[in-house]
Protein backbone atom coordinates (compact mmCIF):
# COMPACT_ATOMS: atom_id res chain seq x y z
CA UNK A 1 73.51 1.92 77.74
CA UNK A 2 71.21 3.81 76.25
CA UNK A 3 70.95 1.42 73.38
CA UNK A 4 70.40 -1.36 75.59
CA UNK A 5 67.46 0.20 77.27
CA UNK A 6 65.88 1.17 74.14
CA UNK A 7 65.99 -2.47 72.72
CA UNK A 8 64.49 -3.57 76.16
CA UNK A 9 61.70 -0.88 76.22
CA UNK A 10 60.80 -1.89 72.55
CA UNK A 11 60.80 -5.64 73.14
CA UNK A 12 58.63 -5.05 76.15
CA UNK A 13 56.13 -2.79 74.43
CA UNK A 14 55.84 -5.19 71.32
CA UNK A 15 55.22 -8.13 73.63
CA UNK A 16 52.85 -6.36 75.58
CA UNK A 17 50.78 -4.55 73.11
CA UNK A 18 50.56 -7.39 70.78
CA UNK A 19 48.98 -9.41 73.19
CA UNK A 20 46.94 -6.76 75.24
CA UNK A 21 44.08 -6.54 72.85
CA UNK A 22 43.24 -10.42 73.16
CA UNK A 23 43.24 -10.29 77.03
CA UNK A 24 40.21 -7.85 76.90
CA UNK A 25 38.56 -8.88 73.37
CA UNK A 26 35.40 -11.05 73.28
CA UNK A 27 36.27 -14.29 71.92
CA UNK A 28 34.06 -14.11 68.62
CA UNK A 29 36.31 -10.71 68.05
CA UNK A 30 39.40 -12.75 68.37
CA UNK A 31 38.24 -15.49 65.89
CA UNK A 32 37.27 -12.64 63.39
CA UNK A 33 40.67 -11.43 63.72
CA UNK A 34 42.33 -14.79 63.04
CA UNK A 35 39.88 -15.26 60.05
CA UNK A 36 40.93 -11.60 58.80
CA UNK A 37 44.57 -12.73 58.71
CA UNK A 38 43.61 -15.84 57.02
CA UNK A 39 43.59 -18.45 59.92
CA UNK A 40 40.97 -21.14 60.31
CA UNK A 41 38.74 -20.53 63.30
CA UNK A 42 39.91 -22.26 66.53
CA UNK A 43 37.62 -24.91 67.93
CA UNK A 44 34.71 -23.61 70.01
CA UNK A 45 35.82 -25.29 73.20
CA UNK A 46 36.43 -23.91 76.78
CA UNK A 47 39.76 -25.24 77.14
CA UNK A 48 41.06 -23.53 73.84
CA UNK A 49 39.68 -20.21 75.06
CA UNK A 50 41.27 -20.78 78.43
CA UNK A 51 44.54 -21.92 76.95
CA UNK A 52 44.53 -18.90 74.53
CA UNK A 53 43.99 -16.40 77.03
CA UNK A 54 46.67 -17.91 79.67
CA UNK A 55 49.22 -17.81 76.51
CA UNK A 56 48.29 -14.32 75.80
CA UNK A 57 48.67 -13.15 79.35
CA UNK A 58 51.97 -15.11 79.65
CA UNK A 59 53.06 -13.07 76.57
CA UNK A 60 52.04 -9.58 78.06
CA UNK A 61 53.90 -10.55 81.19
CA UNK A 62 57.11 -11.34 79.22
CA UNK A 63 56.59 -7.75 77.88
CA UNK A 64 56.57 -6.34 81.59
CA UNK A 65 59.77 -8.29 82.22
CA UNK A 66 61.58 -6.78 79.62
CA UNK A 67 60.35 -3.21 80.69
CA UNK A 68 61.38 -3.86 84.25
CA UNK A 69 65.27 -4.85 82.85
CA UNK A 70 64.94 -1.46 80.91
CA UNK A 71 64.72 0.39 84.19
CA UNK A 72 68.10 -0.79 85.34
CA UNK A 73 69.94 -3.43 83.45
CA UNK A 74 72.85 -3.59 85.51
CA UNK A 75 70.78 -4.11 88.49
CA UNK A 76 68.99 -7.00 86.83
CA UNK A 77 72.06 -8.59 84.87
CA UNK A 78 71.16 -12.11 85.71
CA UNK A 79 67.60 -11.86 84.64
CA UNK A 80 69.18 -10.01 81.17
CA UNK A 81 71.13 -13.04 80.73
CA UNK A 82 67.61 -14.93 81.02
CA UNK A 83 66.27 -12.47 78.65
CA UNK A 84 69.08 -13.24 75.79
CA UNK A 85 68.70 -17.04 76.45
CA UNK A 86 65.00 -16.85 76.17
CA UNK A 87 64.79 -14.82 72.97
CA UNK A 88 67.30 -17.57 71.29
CA UNK A 89 65.24 -20.20 72.72
CA UNK A 90 61.86 -18.86 71.35
CA UNK A 91 63.52 -18.15 68.04
CA UNK A 92 64.75 -21.82 67.88
CA UNK A 93 61.31 -23.46 69.08
CA UNK A 94 59.58 -21.33 66.64
CA UNK A 95 61.81 -22.19 63.78
CA UNK A 96 61.57 -26.02 64.91
CA UNK A 97 57.76 -26.20 65.39
CA UNK A 98 56.87 -24.01 62.41
CA UNK A 99 58.81 -26.04 60.09
CA UNK A 100 57.86 -29.64 61.59
CA UNK A 101 53.95 -28.43 61.49
CA UNK A 102 54.44 -27.36 57.81
CA UNK A 103 53.40 -23.61 58.48
CA UNK A 104 53.91 -21.20 56.00
CA UNK A 105 57.51 -19.78 56.60
CA UNK A 106 56.48 -16.22 56.67
CA UNK A 107 54.31 -17.29 59.82
CA UNK A 108 57.16 -18.68 61.81
CA UNK A 109 59.96 -16.55 60.66
CA UNK A 110 57.88 -13.85 61.68
CA UNK A 111 58.27 -14.87 65.21
CA UNK A 112 61.87 -16.19 65.16
CA UNK A 113 63.82 -13.40 63.32
CA UNK A 114 62.57 -10.61 65.62
CA UNK A 115 63.36 -12.80 68.78
CA UNK A 116 66.85 -13.75 67.43
CA UNK A 117 67.38 -9.92 66.36
CA UNK A 118 66.27 -9.07 69.97
CA UNK A 119 68.99 -11.47 71.38
CA UNK A 120 71.48 -10.37 69.27
CA UNK A 121 70.99 -6.42 69.88
CA UNK A 122 70.74 -7.19 73.59
CA UNK A 123 74.45 -8.70 73.43
CA UNK A 124 75.68 -6.05 71.00
CA UNK A 125 74.57 -3.14 73.53
CA UNK A 126 76.04 -5.05 76.66
CA UNK A 127 77.53 -2.46 78.73
CA UNK A 128 81.21 -2.14 78.07
CA UNK A 129 83.39 -3.48 80.84
CA UNK A 130 80.53 -5.78 82.20
CA UNK A 131 80.79 -9.38 80.81
CA UNK A 132 77.66 -11.35 80.62
CA UNK A 133 77.55 -14.06 83.52
CA UNK A 134 78.40 -17.42 82.26
CA UNK A 135 75.47 -19.85 81.99
CA UNK A 136 75.29 -22.73 84.12
């Protein structure tokens, strides 16, 4: 159970911290940060800012979700199944979207691989004697 909790906490902290700065930084700082890692500046349009902030907030909330799961994985077992499915779904979507849009593999593999690894680790540390609930 300890290994499962560690995985959930790490995933939760990474998700939350990797997005928390973008929730509070001014938009010009975000644009500069994107330029620093070699990305083109997004269009200066309110809907882009709005959508980006909502996406970042969702990612932070996913981090909180994983931290709640870590508090008592057995109690939240149905949500743990959702977390595993979500990890694999995000990994698959990241791979397919990155490939179809012609992104550099490093960018989309940098999202897909950690998500897939998190899903595998959650399954690997699943508590003995407690089977994952059947999907559907």
